[in-house]
Amino acid sequence: MRVKVNDTVEVIAGNDKGSRGKVLTVNKKTGKVVVEGMNLVYKHVRRSQKNPQGGRLSKEMPIQISNVMIVCEKCSSPSRTGYRYMKDGSKERFCKKCGAGHGEVAPPKAAYAEK
């Protein structure tokens, strides 16, 4: 999974195509993500002590992970991401358009460190 929580993503397919939002949750098992303000549905709620008003509540539903792309902070455009090893042997994500790093993924390993 190249998408993580708190990444900014752009939806590339579906009703919300072209809009950007922050990733709230990632489900690796089903391959879906919940993006803030995207794929909204109405949930009809009955009156209760928890919901004294009742009515229709907007709720975000999961989107297939293949329908979103990570937005690079440096070039501010949606781009594919890759993994690379740094000189100290740590692994990081990077933007394939501009080459900017998106943060460390794995701690340094001596086997991958440059000598």
PDB file of N, CA and C in Angstrom:
ATOM      1  N   MET A   1       0.843  -1.185   0.000  1.00  0.00           N
ATOM      2  CA  MET A   1       0.000   0.000   0.000  1.00  0.00           C
ATOM      3  C   MET A   1       0.883   1.241   0.000  1.00  0.00           C
ATOM      4  N   ARG A   2       0.707   2.043  -0.997  1.00  0.00           N
ATOM      5  CA  ARG A   2       1.505   3.263  -1.074  1.00  0.00           C
ATOM      6  C   ARG A   2       0.776   4.459  -0.506  1.00  0.00           C
ATOM      7  N   VAL A   3      -0.485   4.297  -0.156  1.00  0.00           N
ATOM      8  CA  VAL A   3      -1.266   5.389   0.428  1.00  0.00           C
ATOM      9  C   VAL A   3      -1.329   5.187   1.930  1.00  0.00           C
ATOM     10  N   LYS A   4      -1.074   6.256   2.680  1.00  0.00           N
ATOM     11  CA  LYS A   4      -1.103   6.193   4.141  1.00  0.00           C
ATOM     12  C   LYS A   4      -2.102   7.208   4.684  1.00  0.00           C
ATOM     13  N   VAL A   5      -2.426   7.065   5.958  1.00  0.00           N
ATOM     14  CA  VAL A   5      -3.322   8.002   6.627  1.00  0.00           C
ATOM     15  C   VAL A   5      -2.662   9.386   6.640  1.00  0.00           C
ATOM     16  N   ASN A   6      -3.453  10.418   6.468  1.00  0.00           N
ATOM     17  CA  ASN A   6      -3.046  11.830   6.416  1.00  0.00           C
ATOM     18  C   ASN A   6      -2.373  12.236   5.109  1.00  0.00           C
ATOM     19  N   ASP A   7      -2.321  11.361   4.104  1.00  0.00           N
ATOM     20  CA  ASP A   7      -1.855  11.763   2.778  1.00  0.00           C
ATOM     21  C   ASP A   7      -2.942  12.575   2.100  1.00  0.00           C
ATOM     22  N   THR A   8      -2.547  13.532   1.273  1.00  0.00           N
ATOM     23  CA  THR A   8      -3.502  14.245   0.440  1.00  0.00           C
ATOM     24  C   THR A   8      -3.600  13.502  -0.878  1.00  0.00           C
ATOM     25  N   VAL A   9      -4.816  13.146  -1.268  1.00  0.00           N
ATOM     26  CA  VAL A   9      -5.014  12.387  -2.497  1.00  0.00           C
ATOM     27  C   VAL A   9      -6.023  13.088  -3.393  1.00  0.00           C
ATOM     28  N   GLU A  10      -5.968  12.766  -4.683  1.00  0.00           N
ATOM     29  CA  GLU A  10      -6.937  13.264  -5.650  1.00  0.00           C
ATOM     30  C   GLU A  10      -7.679  12.061  -6.213  1.00  0.00           C
ATOM     31  N   VAL A  11      -9.003  12.175  -6.296  1.00  0.00           N
ATOM     32  CA  VAL A  11      -9.823  11.095  -6.842  1.00  0.00           C
ATOM     33  C   VAL A  11      -9.730  11.163  -8.357  1.00  0.00           C
ATOM     34  N   ILE A  12      -9.406  10.034  -9.011  1.00  0.00           N
ATOM     35  CA  ILE A  12      -9.216  10.019 -10.460  1.00  0.00           C
ATOM     36  C   ILE A  12     -10.339   9.302 -11.201  1.00  0.00           C
ATOM     37  N   ALA A  13     -11.301   8.716 -10.455  1.00  0.00           N
ATOM     38  CA  ALA A  13     -12.426   8.038 -11.100  1.00  0.00           C
ATOM     39  C   ALA A  13     -13.632   8.082 -10.183  1.00  0.00           C
ATOM     40  N   GLY A  14     -14.815   8.123 -10.766  1.00  0.00           N
ATOM     41  CA  GLY A  14     -16.047   8.114  -9.978  1.00  0.00           C
ATOM     42  C   GLY A  14     -16.714   9.474  -9.933  1.00  0.00           C
ATOM     43  N   ASN A  15     -17.713   9.599  -9.066  1.00  0.00           N
ATOM     44  CA  ASN A  15     -18.500  10.835  -8.974  1.00  0.00           C
ATOM     45  C   ASN A  15     -17.681  12.020  -8.487  1.00  0.00           C
ATOM     46  N   ASP A  16     -16.684  11.798  -7.643  1.00  0.00           N
ATOM     47  CA  ASP A  16     -15.885  12.883  -7.075  1.00  0.00           C
ATOM     48  C   ASP A  16     -14.586  13.103  -7.840  1.00  0.00           C
ATOM     49  N   LYS A  17     -14.547  12.737  -9.105  1.00  0.00           N
ATOM     50  CA  LYS A  17     -13.336  12.833  -9.916  1.00  0.00           C
ATOM     51  C   LYS A  17     -12.802  14.262  -9.938  1.00  0.00           C
ATOM     52  N   GLY A  18     -11.497  14.407  -9.687  1.00  0.00           N
ATOM     53  CA  GLY A  18     -10.854  15.713  -9.731  1.00  0.00           C
ATOM     54  C   GLY A  18     -10.803  16.443  -8.408  1.00  0.00           C
ATOM     55  N   SER A  19     -11.450  15.925  -7.377  1.00  0.00           N
ATOM     56  CA  SER A  19     -11.433  16.612  -6.086  1.00  0.00           C
ATOM     57  C   SER A  19     -10.389  15.993  -5.162  1.00  0.00           C
ATOM     58  N   ARG A  20      -9.866  16.833  -4.268  1.00  0.00           N
ATOM     59  CA  ARG A  20      -8.790  16.419  -3.364  1.00  0.00           C
ATOM     60  C   ARG A  20      -9.275  16.372  -1.928  1.00  0.00           C
ATOM     61  N   GLY A  21      -8.662  15.480  -1.145  1.00  0.00           N
ATOM     62  CA  GLY A  21      -9.007  15.367   0.262  1.00  0.00           C
ATOM     63  C   GLY A  21      -7.945  14.598   1.020  1.00  0.00           C
ATOM     64  N   LYS A  22      -8.101  14.560   2.330  1.00  0.00           N
ATOM     65  CA  LYS A  22      -7.146  13.890   3.210  1.00  0.00           C
ATOM     66  C   LYS A  22      -7.639  12.474   3.511  1.00  0.00           C
ATOM     67  N   VAL A  23      -6.718  11.513   3.538  1.00  0.00           N
ATOM     68  CA  VAL A  23      -7.067  10.121   3.822  1.00  0.00           C
ATOM     69  C   VAL A  23      -7.311   9.973   5.318  1.00  0.00           C
ATOM     70  N   LEU A  24      -8.494   9.439   5.673  1.00  0.00           N
ATOM     71  CA  LEU A  24      -8.848   9.238   7.073  1.00  0.00           C
ATOM     72  C   LEU A  24      -8.485   7.836   7.546  1.00  0.00           C
ATOM     73  N   THR A  25      -8.824   6.809   6.752  1.00  0.00           N
ATOM     74  CA  THR A  25      -8.484   5.429   7.097  1.00  0.00           C
ATOM     75  C   THR A  25      -8.070   4.667   5.850  1.00  0.00           C
ATOM     76  N   VAL A  26      -7.256   3.628   6.061  1.00  0.00           N
ATOM     77  CA  VAL A  26      -6.826   2.737   4.987  1.00  0.00           C
ATOM     78  C   VAL A  26      -7.133   1.316   5.422  1.00  0.00           C
ATOM     79  N   ASN A  27      -7.838   0.562   4.585  1.00  0.00           N
ATOM     80  CA  ASN A  27      -8.128  -0.836   4.858  1.00  0.00           C
ATOM     81  C   ASN A  27      -7.326  -1.678   3.880  1.00  0.00           C
ATOM     82  N   LYS A  28      -6.240  -2.289   4.355  1.00  0.00           N
ATOM     83  CA  LYS A  28      -5.356  -3.058   3.484  1.00  0.00           C
ATOM     84  C   LYS A  28      -6.004  -4.340   2.991  1.00  0.00           C
ATOM     85  N   LYS A  29      -6.857  -4.928   3.810  1.00  0.00           N
ATOM     86  CA  LYS A  29      -7.483  -6.201   3.456  1.00  0.00           C
ATOM     87  C   LYS A  29      -8.413  -6.060   2.245  1.00  0.00           C
ATOM     88  N   THR A  30      -9.231  -5.005   2.228  1.00  0.00           N
ATOM     89  CA  THR A  30     -10.161  -4.799   1.119  1.00  0.00           C
ATOM     90  C   THR A  30      -9.597  -3.889   0.033  1.00  0.00           C
ATOM     91  N   GLY A  31      -8.487  -3.199   0.317  1.00  0.00           N
ATOM     92  CA  GLY A  31      -7.881  -2.301  -0.659  1.00  0.00           C
ATOM     93  C   GLY A  31      -8.681  -1.028  -0.864  1.00  0.00           C
ATOM     94  N   LYS A  32      -9.228  -0.492   0.227  1.00  0.00           N
ATOM     95  CA  LYS A  32     -10.046   0.716   0.129  1.00  0.00           C
ATOM     96  C   LYS A  32      -9.563   1.775   1.107  1.00  0.00           C
ATOM     97  N   VAL A  33      -9.861   3.035   0.783  1.00  0.00           N
ATOM     98  CA  VAL A  33      -9.518   4.164   1.640  1.00  0.00           C
ATOM     99  C   VAL A  33     -10.753   5.029   1.843  1.00  0.00           C
ATOM    100  N   VAL A  34     -10.816   5.695   2.993  1.00  0.00           N
ATOM    101  CA  VAL A  34     -11.870   6.667   3.260  1.00  0.00           C
ATOM    102  C   VAL A  34     -11.222   8.044   3.184  1.00  0.00           C
ATOM    103  N   VAL A  35     -11.753   8.886   2.286  1.00  0.00           N
ATOM    104  CA  VAL A  35     -11.197  10.214   2.061  1.00  0.00           C
ATOM    105  C   VAL A  35     -12.184  11.243   2.601  1.00  0.00           C
ATOM    106  N   GLU A  36     -11.649  12.247   3.275  1.00  0.00           N
ATOM    107  CA  GLU A  36     -12.462  13.282   3.911  1.00  0.00           C
ATOM    108  C   GLU A  36     -13.287  14.049   2.876  1.00  0.00           C
ATOM    109  N   GLY A  37     -14.616  14.009   3.030  1.00  0.00           N
ATOM    110  CA  GLY A  37     -15.516  14.756   2.160  1.00  0.00           C
ATOM    111  C   GLY A  37     -15.806  14.110   0.820  1.00  0.00           C
ATOM    112  N   MET A  38     -15.355  12.881   0.574  1.00  0.00           N
ATOM    113  CA  MET A  38     -15.574  12.202  -0.702  1.00  0.00           C
ATOM    114  C   MET A  38     -16.510  11.018  -0.528  1.00  0.00           C
ATOM    115  N   ASN A  39     -17.226  10.681  -1.588  1.00  0.00           N
ATOM    116  CA  ASN A  39     -18.122   9.523  -1.636  1.00  0.00           C
ATOM    117  C   ASN A  39     -19.137   9.565  -0.493  1.00  0.00           C
ATOM    118  N   LEU A  40     -19.807  10.706  -0.363  1.00  0.00           N
ATOM    119  CA  LEU A  40     -20.772  10.897   0.726  1.00  0.00           C
ATOM    120  C   LEU A  40     -22.087  10.193   0.420  1.00  0.00           C
ATOM    121  N   VAL A  41     -22.643   9.560   1.435  1.00  0.00           N
ATOM    122  CA  VAL A  41     -23.961   8.933   1.345  1.00  0.00           C
ATOM    123  C   VAL A  41     -24.779   9.412   2.539  1.00  0.00           C
ATOM    124  N   TYR A  42     -26.091   9.272   2.443  1.00  0.00           N
ATOM    125  CA  TYR A  42     -26.964   9.617   3.556  1.00  0.00           C
ATOM    126  C   TYR A  42     -27.271   8.375   4.369  1.00  0.00           C
ATOM    127  N   LYS A  43     -27.128   8.482   5.676  1.00  0.00           N
ATOM    128  CA  LYS A  43     -27.518   7.414   6.586  1.00  0.00           C
ATOM    129  C   LYS A  43     -28.728   7.922   7.349  1.00  0.00           C
ATOM    130  N   HIS A  44     -29.832   7.202   7.233  1.00  0.00           N
ATOM    131  CA  HIS A  44     -31.060   7.589   7.909  1.00  0.00           C
ATOM    132  C   HIS A  44     -31.017   7.093   9.343  1.00  0.00           C
ATOM    133  N   VAL A  45     -31.163   8.013  10.283  1.00  0.00           N
ATOM    134  CA  VAL A  45     -31.019   7.696  11.702  1.00  0.00           C
ATOM    135  C   VAL A  45     -32.333   7.949  12.419  1.00  0.00           C
ATOM    136  N   ARG A  46     -32.750   6.984  13.208  1.00  0.00           N
ATOM    137  CA  ARG A  46     -33.964   7.111  13.999  1.00  0.00           C
ATOM    138  C   ARG A  46     -33.673   7.957  15.238  1.00  0.00           C
ATOM    139  N   ARG A  47     -34.684   8.599  15.771  1.00  0.00           N
ATOM    140  CA  ARG A  47     -34.503   9.389  16.993  1.00  0.00           C
ATOM    141  C   ARG A  47     -34.090   8.481  18.144  1.00  0.00           C
ATOM    142  N   SER A  48     -33.143   8.969  18.939  1.00  0.00           N
ATOM    143  CA  SER A  48     -32.694   8.238  20.124  1.00  0.00           C
ATOM    144  C   SER A  48     -32.081   9.251  21.083  1.00  0.00           C
ATOM    145  N   GLN A  49     -31.608   8.773  22.232  1.00  0.00           N
ATOM    146  CA  GLN A  49     -30.956   9.689  23.161  1.00  0.00           C
ATOM    147  C   GLN A  49     -29.646  10.194  22.580  1.00  0.00           C
ATOM    148  N   LYS A  50     -28.983   9.352  21.828  1.00  0.00           N
ATOM    149  CA  LYS A  50     -27.726   9.763  21.197  1.00  0.00           C
ATOM    150  C   LYS A  50     -27.987  10.757  20.065  1.00  0.00           C
ATOM    151  N   ASN A  51     -29.042  10.535  19.297  1.00  0.00           N
ATOM    152  CA  ASN A  51     -29.454  11.424  18.211  1.00  0.00           C
ATOM    153  C   ASN A  51     -30.876  11.911  18.456  1.00  0.00           C
ATOM    154  N   PRO A  52     -31.082  12.953  19.248  1.00  0.00           N
ATOM    155  CA  PRO A  52     -32.444  13.389  19.567  1.00  0.00           C
ATOM    156  C   PRO A  52     -33.185  13.956  18.352  1.00  0.00           C
ATOM    157  N   GLN A  53     -32.453  14.480  17.392  1.00  0.00           N
ATOM    158  CA  GLN A  53     -33.074  15.060  16.208  1.00  0.00           C
ATOM    159  C   GLN A  53     -33.505  13.978  15.223  1.00  0.00           C
ATOM    160  N   GLY A  54     -32.641  12.967  15.014  1.00  0.00           N
ATOM    161  CA  GLY A  54     -32.917  11.963  13.986  1.00  0.00           C
ATOM    162  C   GLY A  54     -32.669  12.556  12.615  1.00  0.00           C
ATOM    163  N   GLY A  55     -33.110  11.884  11.553  1.00  0.00           N
ATOM    164  CA  GLY A  55     -33.000  12.428  10.201  1.00  0.00           C
ATOM    165  C   GLY A  55     -31.895  11.777   9.397  1.00  0.00           C
ATOM    166  N   ARG A  56     -31.348  12.558   8.442  1.00  0.00           N
ATOM    167  CA  ARG A  56     -30.330  12.039   7.524  1.00  0.00           C
ATOM    168  C   ARG A  56     -28.964  12.622   7.882  1.00  0.00           C
ATOM    169  N   LEU A  57     -27.993  11.743   8.042  1.00  0.00           N
ATOM    170  CA  LEU A  57     -26.626  12.164   8.325  1.00  0.00           C
ATOM    171  C   LEU A  57     -25.737  11.841   7.129  1.00  0.00           C
ATOM    172  N   SER A  58     -24.846  12.757   6.763  1.00  0.00           N
ATOM    173  CA  SER A  58     -23.878  12.488   5.702  1.00  0.00           C
ATOM    174  C   SER A  58     -22.730  11.681   6.270  1.00  0.00           C
ATOM    175  N   LYS A  59     -22.276  10.711   5.493  1.00  0.00           N
ATOM    176  CA  LYS A  59     -21.212   9.819   5.953  1.00  0.00           C
ATOM    177  C   LYS A  59     -20.307   9.498   4.773  1.00  0.00           C
ATOM    178  N   GLU A  60     -18.986   9.461   5.020  1.00  0.00           N
ATOM    179  CA  GLU A  60     -18.049   9.099   3.972  1.00  0.00           C
ATOM    180  C   GLU A  60     -17.962   7.581   3.862  1.00  0.00           C
ATOM    181  N   MET A  61     -17.955   7.078   2.639  1.00  0.00           N
ATOM    182  CA  MET A  61     -17.829   5.649   2.387  1.00  0.00           C
ATOM    183  C   MET A  61     -16.487   5.373   1.723  1.00  0.00           C
ATOM    184  N   PRO A  62     -16.002   4.128   1.808  1.00  0.00           N
ATOM    185  CA  PRO A  62     -14.693   3.794   1.236  1.00  0.00           C
ATOM    186  C   PRO A  62     -14.663   3.898  -0.287  1.00  0.00           C
ATOM    187  N   ILE A  63     -13.472   4.218  -0.794  1.00  0.00           N
ATOM    188  CA  ILE A  63     -13.204   4.303  -2.231  1.00  0.00           C
ATOM    189  C   ILE A  63     -12.103   3.299  -2.534  1.00  0.00           C
ATOM    190  N   GLN A  64     -12.192   2.653  -3.693  1.00  0.00           N
ATOM    191  CA  GLN A  64     -11.148   1.715  -4.115  1.00  0.00           C
ATOM    192  C   GLN A  64      -9.822   2.471  -4.220  1.00  0.00           C
ATOM    193  N   ILE A  65      -8.750   1.846  -3.730  1.00  0.00           N
ATOM    194  CA  ILE A  65      -7.454   2.529  -3.667  1.00  0.00           C
ATOM    195  C   ILE A  65      -6.897   2.835  -5.055  1.00  0.00           C
ATOM    196  N   SER A  66      -7.333   2.077  -6.064  1.00  0.00           N
ATOM    197  CA  SER A  66      -6.865   2.330  -7.427  1.00  0.00           C
ATOM    198  C   SER A  66      -7.500   3.577  -8.023  1.00  0.00           C
ATOM    199  N   ASN A  67      -8.527   4.121  -7.379  1.00  0.00           N
ATOM    200  CA  ASN A  67      -9.207   5.311  -7.877  1.00  0.00           C
ATOM    201  C   ASN A  67      -8.694   6.603  -7.258  1.00  0.00           C
ATOM    202  N   VAL A  68      -7.599   6.548  -6.502  1.00  0.00           N
ATOM    203  CA  VAL A  68      -7.003   7.752  -5.926  1.00  0.00           C
ATOM    204  C   VAL A  68      -5.511   7.793  -6.245  1.00  0.00           C
ATOM    205  N   MET A  69      -4.977   9.012  -6.346  1.00  0.00           N
ATOM    206  CA  MET A  69      -3.535   9.215  -6.540  1.00  0.00           C
ATOM    207  C   MET A  69      -3.025  10.184  -5.494  1.00  0.00           C
ATOM    208  N   ILE A  70      -1.833   9.924  -4.987  1.00  0.00           N
ATOM    209  CA  ILE A  70      -1.221  10.802  -3.996  1.00  0.00           C
ATOM    210  C   ILE A  70      -0.816  12.113  -4.661  1.00  0.00           C
ATOM    211  N   VAL A  71      -1.089  13.230  -3.980  1.00  0.00           N
ATOM    212  CA  VAL A  71      -0.702  14.549  -4.473  1.00  0.00           C
ATOM    213  C   VAL A  71       0.626  14.919  -3.818  1.00  0.00           C
ATOM    214  N   CYS A  72       1.621  15.227  -4.650  1.00  0.00           N
ATOM    215  CA  CYS A  72       2.946  15.607  -4.165  1.00  0.00           C
ATOM    216  C   CYS A  72       2.891  17.032  -3.615  1.00  0.00           C
ATOM    217  N   GLU A  73       3.503  17.249  -2.445  1.00  0.00           N
ATOM    218  CA  GLU A  73       3.519  18.585  -1.853  1.00  0.00           C
ATOM    219  C   GLU A  73       4.404  19.541  -2.644  1.00  0.00           C
ATOM    220  N   LYS A  74       5.481  19.031  -3.229  1.00  0.00           N
ATOM    221  CA  LYS A  74       6.430  19.894  -3.922  1.00  0.00           C
ATOM    222  C   LYS A  74       5.900  20.365  -5.279  1.00  0.00           C
ATOM    223  N   CYS A  75       5.449  19.434  -6.112  1.00  0.00           N
ATOM    224  CA  CYS A  75       4.969  19.822  -7.444  1.00  0.00           C
ATOM    225  C   CYS A  75       3.454  20.001  -7.486  1.00  0.00           C
ATOM    226  N   SER A  76       2.774  19.739  -6.392  1.00  0.00           N
ATOM    227  CA  SER A  76       1.319  19.905  -6.203  1.00  0.00           C
ATOM    228  C   SER A  76       0.486  19.326  -7.339  1.00  0.00           C
ATOM    229  N   SER A  77       0.897  18.168  -7.818  1.00  0.00           N
ATOM    230  CA  SER A  77       0.120  17.473  -8.839  1.00  0.00           C
ATOM    231  C   SER A  77       0.020  15.998  -8.466  1.00  0.00           C
ATOM    232  N   PRO A  78      -1.060  15.322  -8.880  1.00  0.00           N
ATOM    233  CA  PRO A  78      -1.166  13.900  -8.560  1.00  0.00           C
ATOM    234  C   PRO A  78      -0.122  13.110  -9.339  1.00  0.00           C
ATOM    235  N   SER A  79       0.564  12.220  -8.656  1.00  0.00           N
ATOM    236  CA  SER A  79       1.626  11.469  -9.316  1.00  0.00           C
ATOM    237  C   SER A  79       1.746  10.085  -8.700  1.00  0.00           C
ATOM    238  N   ARG A  80       2.410   9.210  -9.444  1.00  0.00           N
ATOM    239  CA  ARG A  80       2.665   7.880  -8.929  1.00  0.00           C
ATOM    240  C   ARG A  80       3.791   7.967  -7.899  1.00  0.00           C
ATOM    241  N   THR A  81       3.840   6.986  -7.010  1.00  0.00           N
ATOM    242  CA  THR A  81       4.891   6.954  -6.002  1.00  0.00           C
ATOM    243  C   THR A  81       5.704   5.680  -6.135  1.00  0.00           C
ATOM    244  N   GLY A  82       6.942   5.776  -5.725  1.00  0.00           N
ATOM    245  CA  GLY A  82       7.832   4.626  -5.727  1.00  0.00           C
ATOM    246  C   GLY A  82       8.569   4.554  -4.412  1.00  0.00           C
ATOM    247  N   TYR A  83       9.360   3.515  -4.263  1.00  0.00           N
ATOM    248  CA  TYR A  83      10.191   3.336  -3.082  1.00  0.00           C
ATOM    249  C   TYR A  83      11.650   3.361  -3.495  1.00  0.00           C
ATOM    250  N   ARG A  84      12.488   3.923  -2.643  1.00  0.00           N
ATOM    251  CA  ARG A  84      13.933   3.914  -2.889  1.00  0.00           C
ATOM    252  C   ARG A  84      14.667   3.854  -1.558  1.00  0.00           C
ATOM    253  N   TYR A  85      15.918   3.388  -1.621  1.00  0.00           N
ATOM    254  CA  TYR A  85      16.750   3.314  -0.428  1.00  0.00           C
ATOM    255  C   TYR A  85      17.654   4.533  -0.377  1.00  0.00           C
ATOM    256  N   MET A  86      17.763   5.105   0.808  1.00  0.00           N
ATOM    257  CA  MET A  86      18.618   6.261   1.018  1.00  0.00           C
ATOM    258  C   MET A  86      20.049   5.790   1.286  1.00  0.00           C
ATOM    259  N   LYS A  87      20.974   6.736   1.418  1.00  0.00           N
ATOM    260  CA  LYS A  87      22.379   6.379   1.629  1.00  0.00           C
ATOM    261  C   LYS A  87      22.622   5.656   2.942  1.00  0.00           C
ATOM    262  N   ASP A  88      21.796   5.972   3.970  1.00  0.00           N
ATOM    263  CA  ASP A  88      21.969   5.305   5.260  1.00  0.00           C
ATOM    264  C   ASP A  88      21.272   3.946   5.322  1.00  0.00           C
ATOM    265  N   GLY A  89      20.565   3.536   4.251  1.00  0.00           N
ATOM    266  CA  GLY A  89      19.902   2.238   4.208  1.00  0.00           C
ATOM    267  C   GLY A  89      18.431   2.284   4.566  1.00  0.00           C
ATOM    268  N   SER A  90      17.883   3.475   4.854  1.00  0.00           N
ATOM    269  CA  SER A  90      16.462   3.574   5.166  1.00  0.00           C
ATOM    270  C   SER A  90      15.664   3.645   3.859  1.00  0.00           C
ATOM    271  N   LYS A  91      14.422   3.205   3.921  1.00  0.00           N
ATOM    272  CA  LYS A  91      13.558   3.158   2.753  1.00  0.00           C
ATOM    273  C   LYS A  91      12.557   4.305   2.814  1.00  0.00           C
ATOM    274  N   GLU A  92      12.319   4.993   1.690  1.00  0.00           N
ATOM    275  CA  GLU A  92      11.373   6.105   1.663  1.00  0.00           C
ATOM    276  C   GLU A  92      10.518   6.059   0.417  1.00  0.00           C
ATOM    277  N   ARG A  93       9.345   6.719   0.503  1.00  0.00           N
ATOM    278  CA  ARG A  93       8.486   6.899  -0.668  1.00  0.00           C
ATOM    279  C   ARG A  93       8.924   8.158  -1.391  1.00  0.00           C
ATOM    280  N   PHE A  94       8.752   8.180  -2.734  1.00  0.00           N
ATOM    281  CA  PHE A  94       9.115   9.380  -3.478  1.00  0.00           C
ATOM    282  C   PHE A  94       8.173   9.586  -4.660  1.00  0.00           C
ATOM    283  N   CYS A  95       8.073  10.832  -5.087  1.00  0.00           N
ATOM    284  CA  CYS A  95       7.247  11.225  -6.233  1.00  0.00           C
ATOM    285  C   CYS A  95       7.996  10.874  -7.511  1.00  0.00           C
ATOM    286  N   LYS A  96       7.346  10.181  -8.437  1.00  0.00           N
ATOM    287  CA  LYS A  96       8.014   9.785  -9.677  1.00  0.00           C
ATOM    288  C   LYS A  96       8.090  10.922 -10.683  1.00  0.00           C
ATOM    289  N   LYS A  97       7.342  12.024 -10.461  1.00  0.00           N
ATOM    290  CA  LYS A  97       7.412  13.169 -11.374  1.00  0.00           C
ATOM    291  C   LYS A  97       8.603  14.060 -11.055  1.00  0.00           C
ATOM    292  N   CYS A  98       8.711  14.472  -9.780  1.00  0.00           N
ATOM    293  CA  CYS A  98       9.743  15.450  -9.420  1.00  0.00           C
ATOM    294  C   CYS A  98      10.859  14.857  -8.567  1.00  0.00           C
ATOM    295  N   GLY A  99      10.663  13.666  -8.021  1.00  0.00           N
ATOM    296  CA  GLY A  99      11.705  13.019  -7.228  1.00  0.00           C
ATOM    297  C   GLY A  99      11.728  13.412  -5.763  1.00  0.00           C
ATOM    298  N   ALA A 100      10.744  14.194  -5.309  1.00  0.00           N
ATOM    299  CA  ALA A 100      10.705  14.623  -3.914  1.00  0.00           C
ATOM    300  C   ALA A 100      10.318  13.457  -3.009  1.00  0.00           C
ATOM    301  N   GLY A 101      10.898  13.431  -1.816  1.00  0.00           N
ATOM    302  CA  GLY A 101      10.609  12.369  -0.857  1.00  0.00           C
ATOM    303  C   GLY A 101       9.311  12.620  -0.111  1.00  0.00           C
ATOM    304  N   HIS A 102       8.607  11.531   0.246  1.00  0.00           N
ATOM    305  CA  HIS A 102       7.352  11.619   0.998  1.00  0.00           C
ATOM    306  C   HIS A 102       7.492  11.046   2.401  1.00  0.00           C
ATOM    307  N   GLY A 103       8.699  10.883   2.884  1.00  0.00           N
ATOM    308  CA  GLY A 103       8.880  10.395   4.244  1.00  0.00           C
ATOM    309  C   GLY A 103       9.396   8.976   4.292  1.00  0.00           C
ATOM    310  N   GLU A 104       9.986   8.657   5.439  1.00  0.00           N
ATOM    311  CA  GLU A 104      10.599   7.351   5.644  1.00  0.00           C
ATOM    312  C   GLU A 104       9.537   6.287   5.871  1.00  0.00           C
ATOM    313  N   VAL A 105       9.753   5.103   5.284  1.00  0.00           N
ATOM    314  CA  VAL A 105       8.828   3.988   5.417  1.00  0.00           C
ATOM    315  C   VAL A 105       9.394   2.919   6.342  1.00  0.00           C
ATOM    316  N   ALA A 106      10.702   2.667   6.223  1.00  0.00           N
ATOM    317  CA  ALA A 106      11.340   1.625   7.027  1.00  0.00           C
ATOM    318  C   ALA A 106      12.635   2.170   7.630  1.00  0.00           C
ATOM    319  N   PRO A 107      13.011   1.666   8.796  1.00  0.00           N
ATOM    320  CA  PRO A 107      14.253   2.124   9.426  1.00  0.00           C
ATOM    321  C   PRO A 107      15.483   1.660   8.645  1.00  0.00           C
ATOM    322  N   PRO A 108      16.638   2.261   8.925  1.00  0.00           N
ATOM    323  CA  PRO A 108      17.861   1.892   8.191  1.00  0.00           C
ATOM    324  C   PRO A 108      18.250   0.436   8.388  1.00  0.00           C
ATOM    325  N   LYS A 109      18.733  -0.180   7.289  1.00  0.00           N
ATOM    326  CA  LYS A 109      19.267  -1.538   7.315  1.00  0.00           C
ATOM    327  C   LYS A 109      20.691  -1.487   6.785  1.00  0.00           C
ATOM    328  N   ALA A 110      21.555  -2.180   7.449  1.00  0.00           N
ATOM    329  CA  ALA A 110      22.981  -2.162   7.067  1.00  0.00           C
ATOM    330  C   ALA A 110      23.205  -2.752   5.689  1.00  0.00           C
ATOM    331  N   ALA A 111      22.377  -3.713   5.270  1.00  0.00           N
ATOM    332  CA  ALA A 111      22.547  -4.368   3.984  1.00  0.00           C
ATOM    333  C   ALA A 111      22.320  -3.417   2.813  1.00  0.00           C
ATOM    334  N   TYR A 112      21.481  -2.392   2.989  1.00  0.00           N
ATOM    335  CA  TYR A 112      21.160  -1.472   1.920  1.00  0.00           C
ATOM    336  C   TYR A 112      21.924  -0.136   2.011  1.00  0.00           C
ATOM    337  N   ALA A 113      22.735   0.031   3.020  1.00  0.00           N
ATOM    338  CA  ALA A 113      23.503   1.255   3.191  1.00  0.00           C
ATOM    339  C   ALA A 113      24.665   1.293   2.201  1.00  0.00           C
ATOM    340  N   GLU A 114      24.950   2.508   1.679  1.00  0.00           N
ATOM    341  CA  GLU A 114      26.096   2.672   0.785  1.00  0.00           C
ATOM    342  C   GLU A 114      27.374   2.604   1.581  1.00  0.00           C
ATOM    343  N   LYS A 115      28.371   2.014   0.985  1.00  0.00           N
ATOM    344  CA  LYS A 115      29.641   1.848   1.691  1.00  0.00           C
ATOM    345  C   LYS A 115      30.672   2.835   1.223  1.00  0.00           C
TER     346      LYS A 115
END
